[in-house]
Amino acid sequence: MLQENFETPYYAVIFTSLLSNTSSGYEEMAVRMKNLAKLQKGFLGVESARADIGITISYWKTEADIIAWKNDIEHSESRKLGREKWYQQYQLRVCLVERNYGFKK
C-alpha cells in the first residue's frame, strides 16, 4: 500500500542501498528500525522495496525531526552495523516535498 499524500511541505528521506553477501540479521534490524521510526516525533510514513537495489523512503514533518531520528542511539547503532556488515554501498538523500498528488482506483 502506498502512502497517501501528506500536508505540504514535508520532508522525504530517500535511502538506496546495495547489500553485501552477509545479510544475517539484516531483515530483523530493518523491521526493528521501521517500528522504532514510527514512534519518533514528526514521522509521517514509510515506503520500501528491495530487489537488486533497496529503496526506502521515509516521510517527516521537519528537518529537525529527521536529525533527531538520525541521532537516536539505537538507529545510530544500526547504521554502524550496516556499514560494517550489511551494505556494499548506500546513498541517502533528504528532500523537501513542496507538492504532491496521486491517483487511486
C-alpha atoms as a PDB file:
ATOM      1  CA  MET A   1       0.000   0.000   0.000  1.00  0.00           C
ATOM      2  CA  LEU A   2       1.361   3.393  -0.965  1.00  0.00           C
ATOM      3  CA  GLN A   3       1.325   6.304   1.444  1.00  0.00           C
ATOM      4  CA  GLU A   4      -1.427   8.849   0.970  1.00  0.00           C
ATOM      5  CA  ASN A   5      -0.498  12.479   0.380  1.00  0.00           C
ATOM      6  CA  PHE A   6       0.684  14.421   3.408  1.00  0.00           C
ATOM      7  CA  GLU A   7       0.145  18.106   4.051  1.00  0.00           C
ATOM      8  CA  THR A   8       2.939  20.015   2.334  1.00  0.00           C
ATOM      9  CA  PRO A   9       5.613  20.987   2.888  1.00  0.00           C
ATOM     10  CA  TYR A  10       7.221  17.914   4.446  1.00  0.00           C
ATOM     11  CA  TYR A  11      10.483  16.016   4.009  1.00  0.00           C
ATOM     12  CA  ALA A  12      11.343  12.756   2.291  1.00  0.00           C
ATOM     13  CA  VAL A  13      14.473  10.819   3.204  1.00  0.00           C
ATOM     14  CA  ILE A  14      15.418   8.530   0.314  1.00  0.00           C
ATOM     15  CA  PHE A  15      17.746   5.680   1.257  1.00  0.00           C
ATOM     16  CA  THR A  16      19.046   3.492  -1.579  1.00  0.00           C
ATOM     17  CA  SER A  17      21.333   0.541  -0.908  1.00  0.00           C
ATOM     18  CA  LEU A  18      23.167  -2.482  -2.223  1.00  0.00           C
ATOM     19  CA  LEU A  19      23.512  -5.350   0.250  1.00  0.00           C
ATOM     20  CA  SER A  20      26.743  -7.208   0.827  1.00  0.00           C
ATOM     21  CA  ASN A  21      26.923 -11.008   0.775  1.00  0.00           C
ATOM     22  CA  THR A  22      26.440 -11.047   4.562  1.00  0.00           C
ATOM     23  CA  SER A  23      22.815 -10.325   5.349  1.00  0.00           C
ATOM     24  CA  SER A  24      22.362 -12.358   8.550  1.00  0.00           C
ATOM     25  CA  GLY A  25      20.307 -10.247  10.952  1.00  0.00           C
ATOM     26  CA  TYR A  26      19.566  -7.561   8.373  1.00  0.00           C
ATOM     27  CA  GLU A  27      15.842  -8.241   7.951  1.00  0.00           C
ATOM     28  CA  GLU A  28      15.250  -8.266  11.705  1.00  0.00           C
ATOM     29  CA  MET A  29      17.082  -4.959  12.114  1.00  0.00           C
ATOM     30  CA  ALA A  30      15.188  -3.391   9.204  1.00  0.00           C
ATOM     31  CA  VAL A  31      11.861  -4.322  10.817  1.00  0.00           C
ATOM     32  CA  ARG A  32      13.083  -3.013  14.197  1.00  0.00           C
ATOM     33  CA  MET A  33      14.153   0.314  12.673  1.00  0.00           C
ATOM     34  CA  LYS A  34      10.840   0.704  10.833  1.00  0.00           C
ATOM     35  CA  ASN A  35       8.911   0.090  14.064  1.00  0.00           C
ATOM     36  CA  LEU A  36      11.171   2.440  16.029  1.00  0.00           C
ATOM     37  CA  ALA A  37      10.883   5.183  13.390  1.00  0.00           C
ATOM     38  CA  LYS A  38       7.088   5.043  13.681  1.00  0.00           C
ATOM     39  CA  LEU A  39       7.440   6.107  17.332  1.00  0.00           C
ATOM     40  CA  GLN A  40       9.519   9.203  16.549  1.00  0.00           C
ATOM     41  CA  LYS A  41       8.232  12.758  16.669  1.00  0.00           C
ATOM     42  CA  GLY A  42       7.387  14.019  13.200  1.00  0.00           C
ATOM     43  CA  PHE A  43       7.324  10.621  11.486  1.00  0.00           C
ATOM     44  CA  LEU A  44       4.650  10.524   8.767  1.00  0.00           C
ATOM     45  CA  GLY A  45       5.161   7.215   6.974  1.00  0.00           C
ATOM     46  CA  VAL A  46       7.480   4.912   5.048  1.00  0.00           C
ATOM     47  CA  GLU A  47       7.569   3.024   1.752  1.00  0.00           C
ATOM     48  CA  SER A  48      10.182   0.466   0.723  1.00  0.00           C
ATOM     49  CA  ALA A  49      11.070  -2.081  -1.925  1.00  0.00           C
ATOM     50  CA  ARG A  50      14.006  -4.399  -2.403  1.00  0.00           C
ATOM     51  CA  ALA A  51      15.167  -6.237  -5.490  1.00  0.00           C
ATOM     52  CA  ASP A  52      18.738  -5.706  -6.695  1.00  0.00           C
ATOM     53  CA  ILE A  53      18.633  -2.215  -5.186  1.00  0.00           C
ATOM     54  CA  GLY A  54      16.850  -1.444  -1.926  1.00  0.00           C
ATOM     55  CA  ILE A  55      14.844   1.768  -1.789  1.00  0.00           C
ATOM     56  CA  THR A  56      13.308   3.086   1.415  1.00  0.00           C
ATOM     57  CA  ILE A  57      11.609   6.463   1.599  1.00  0.00           C
ATOM     58  CA  SER A  58      10.603   7.819   4.977  1.00  0.00           C
ATOM     59  CA  TYR A  59       8.486  10.941   5.374  1.00  0.00           C
ATOM     60  CA  TRP A  60       8.922  13.531   8.123  1.00  0.00           C
ATOM     61  CA  LYS A  61       7.290  16.789   9.197  1.00  0.00           C
ATOM     62  CA  THR A  62      10.502  18.751   9.732  1.00  0.00           C
ATOM     63  CA  GLU A  63      14.225  18.571   9.131  1.00  0.00           C
ATOM     64  CA  ALA A  64      14.717  18.746  12.922  1.00  0.00           C
ATOM     65  CA  ASP A  65      12.668  15.527  13.232  1.00  0.00           C
ATOM     66  CA  ILE A  66      14.996  13.834  10.721  1.00  0.00           C
ATOM     67  CA  ILE A  67      18.073  14.933  12.660  1.00  0.00           C
ATOM     68  CA  ALA A  68      16.580  13.675  15.932  1.00  0.00           C
ATOM     69  CA  TRP A  69      15.931  10.292  14.281  1.00  0.00           C
ATOM     70  CA  LYS A  70      19.485  10.231  12.898  1.00  0.00           C
ATOM     71  CA  ASN A  71      20.826  10.847  16.421  1.00  0.00           C
ATOM     72  CA  ASP A  72      18.687   8.146  18.071  1.00  0.00           C
ATOM     73  CA  ILE A  73      21.114   5.773  19.826  1.00  0.00           C
ATOM     74  CA  GLU A  74      19.576   2.549  18.519  1.00  0.00           C
ATOM     75  CA  HIS A  75      19.329   3.952  14.991  1.00  0.00           C
ATOM     76  CA  SER A  76      22.982   5.043  15.177  1.00  0.00           C
ATOM     77  CA  GLU A  77      24.000   1.522  16.185  1.00  0.00           C
ATOM     78  CA  SER A  78      22.055   0.004  13.281  1.00  0.00           C
ATOM     79  CA  ARG A  79      23.812   2.374  10.846  1.00  0.00           C
ATOM     80  CA  LYS A  80      27.173   1.290  12.251  1.00  0.00           C
ATOM     81  CA  LEU A  81      26.266  -2.391  11.781  1.00  0.00           C
ATOM     82  CA  GLY A  82      25.040  -1.618   8.276  1.00  0.00           C
ATOM     83  CA  ARG A  83      28.393  -0.133   7.280  1.00  0.00           C
ATOM     84  CA  GLU A  84      30.312  -2.982   8.942  1.00  0.00           C
ATOM     85  CA  LYS A  85      28.182  -5.956   7.827  1.00  0.00           C
ATOM     86  CA  TRP A  86      25.206  -5.458   5.550  1.00  0.00           C
ATOM     87  CA  TYR A  87      25.845  -2.777   2.938  1.00  0.00           C
ATOM     88  CA  GLN A  88      28.196  -2.736  -0.024  1.00  0.00           C
ATOM     89  CA  GLN A  89      27.044   0.782  -0.735  1.00  0.00           C
ATOM     90  CA  TYR A  90      24.295   3.202   0.213  1.00  0.00           C
ATOM     91  CA  GLN A  91      23.167   6.706  -0.612  1.00  0.00           C
ATOM     92  CA  LEU A  92      20.933   8.976   1.449  1.00  0.00           C
ATOM     93  CA  ARG A  93      19.074  11.990   0.101  1.00  0.00           C
ATOM     94  CA  VAL A  94      16.936  14.449   2.080  1.00  0.00           C
ATOM     95  CA  CYS A  95      14.320  16.301   0.030  1.00  0.00           C
ATOM     96  CA  LEU A  96      11.747  18.973   0.759  1.00  0.00           C
ATOM     97  CA  VAL A  97       8.402  17.997  -0.761  1.00  0.00           C
ATOM     98  CA  GLU A  98       6.513  21.104  -1.787  1.00  0.00           C
ATOM     99  CA  ARG A  99       3.795  19.483  -3.872  1.00  0.00           C
ATOM    100  CA  ASN A 100       2.274  16.024  -4.222  1.00  0.00           C
ATOM    101  CA  TYR A 101      -0.637  14.345  -5.917  1.00  0.00           C
ATOM    102  CA  GLY A 102      -1.727  10.849  -6.819  1.00  0.00           C
ATOM    103  CA  PHE A 103      -4.283   8.521  -8.336  1.00  0.00           C
ATOM    104  CA  LYS A 104      -6.132   5.569  -6.834  1.00  0.00           C
ATOM    105  CA  LYS A 105      -8.846   3.377  -8.367  1.00  0.00           C
END
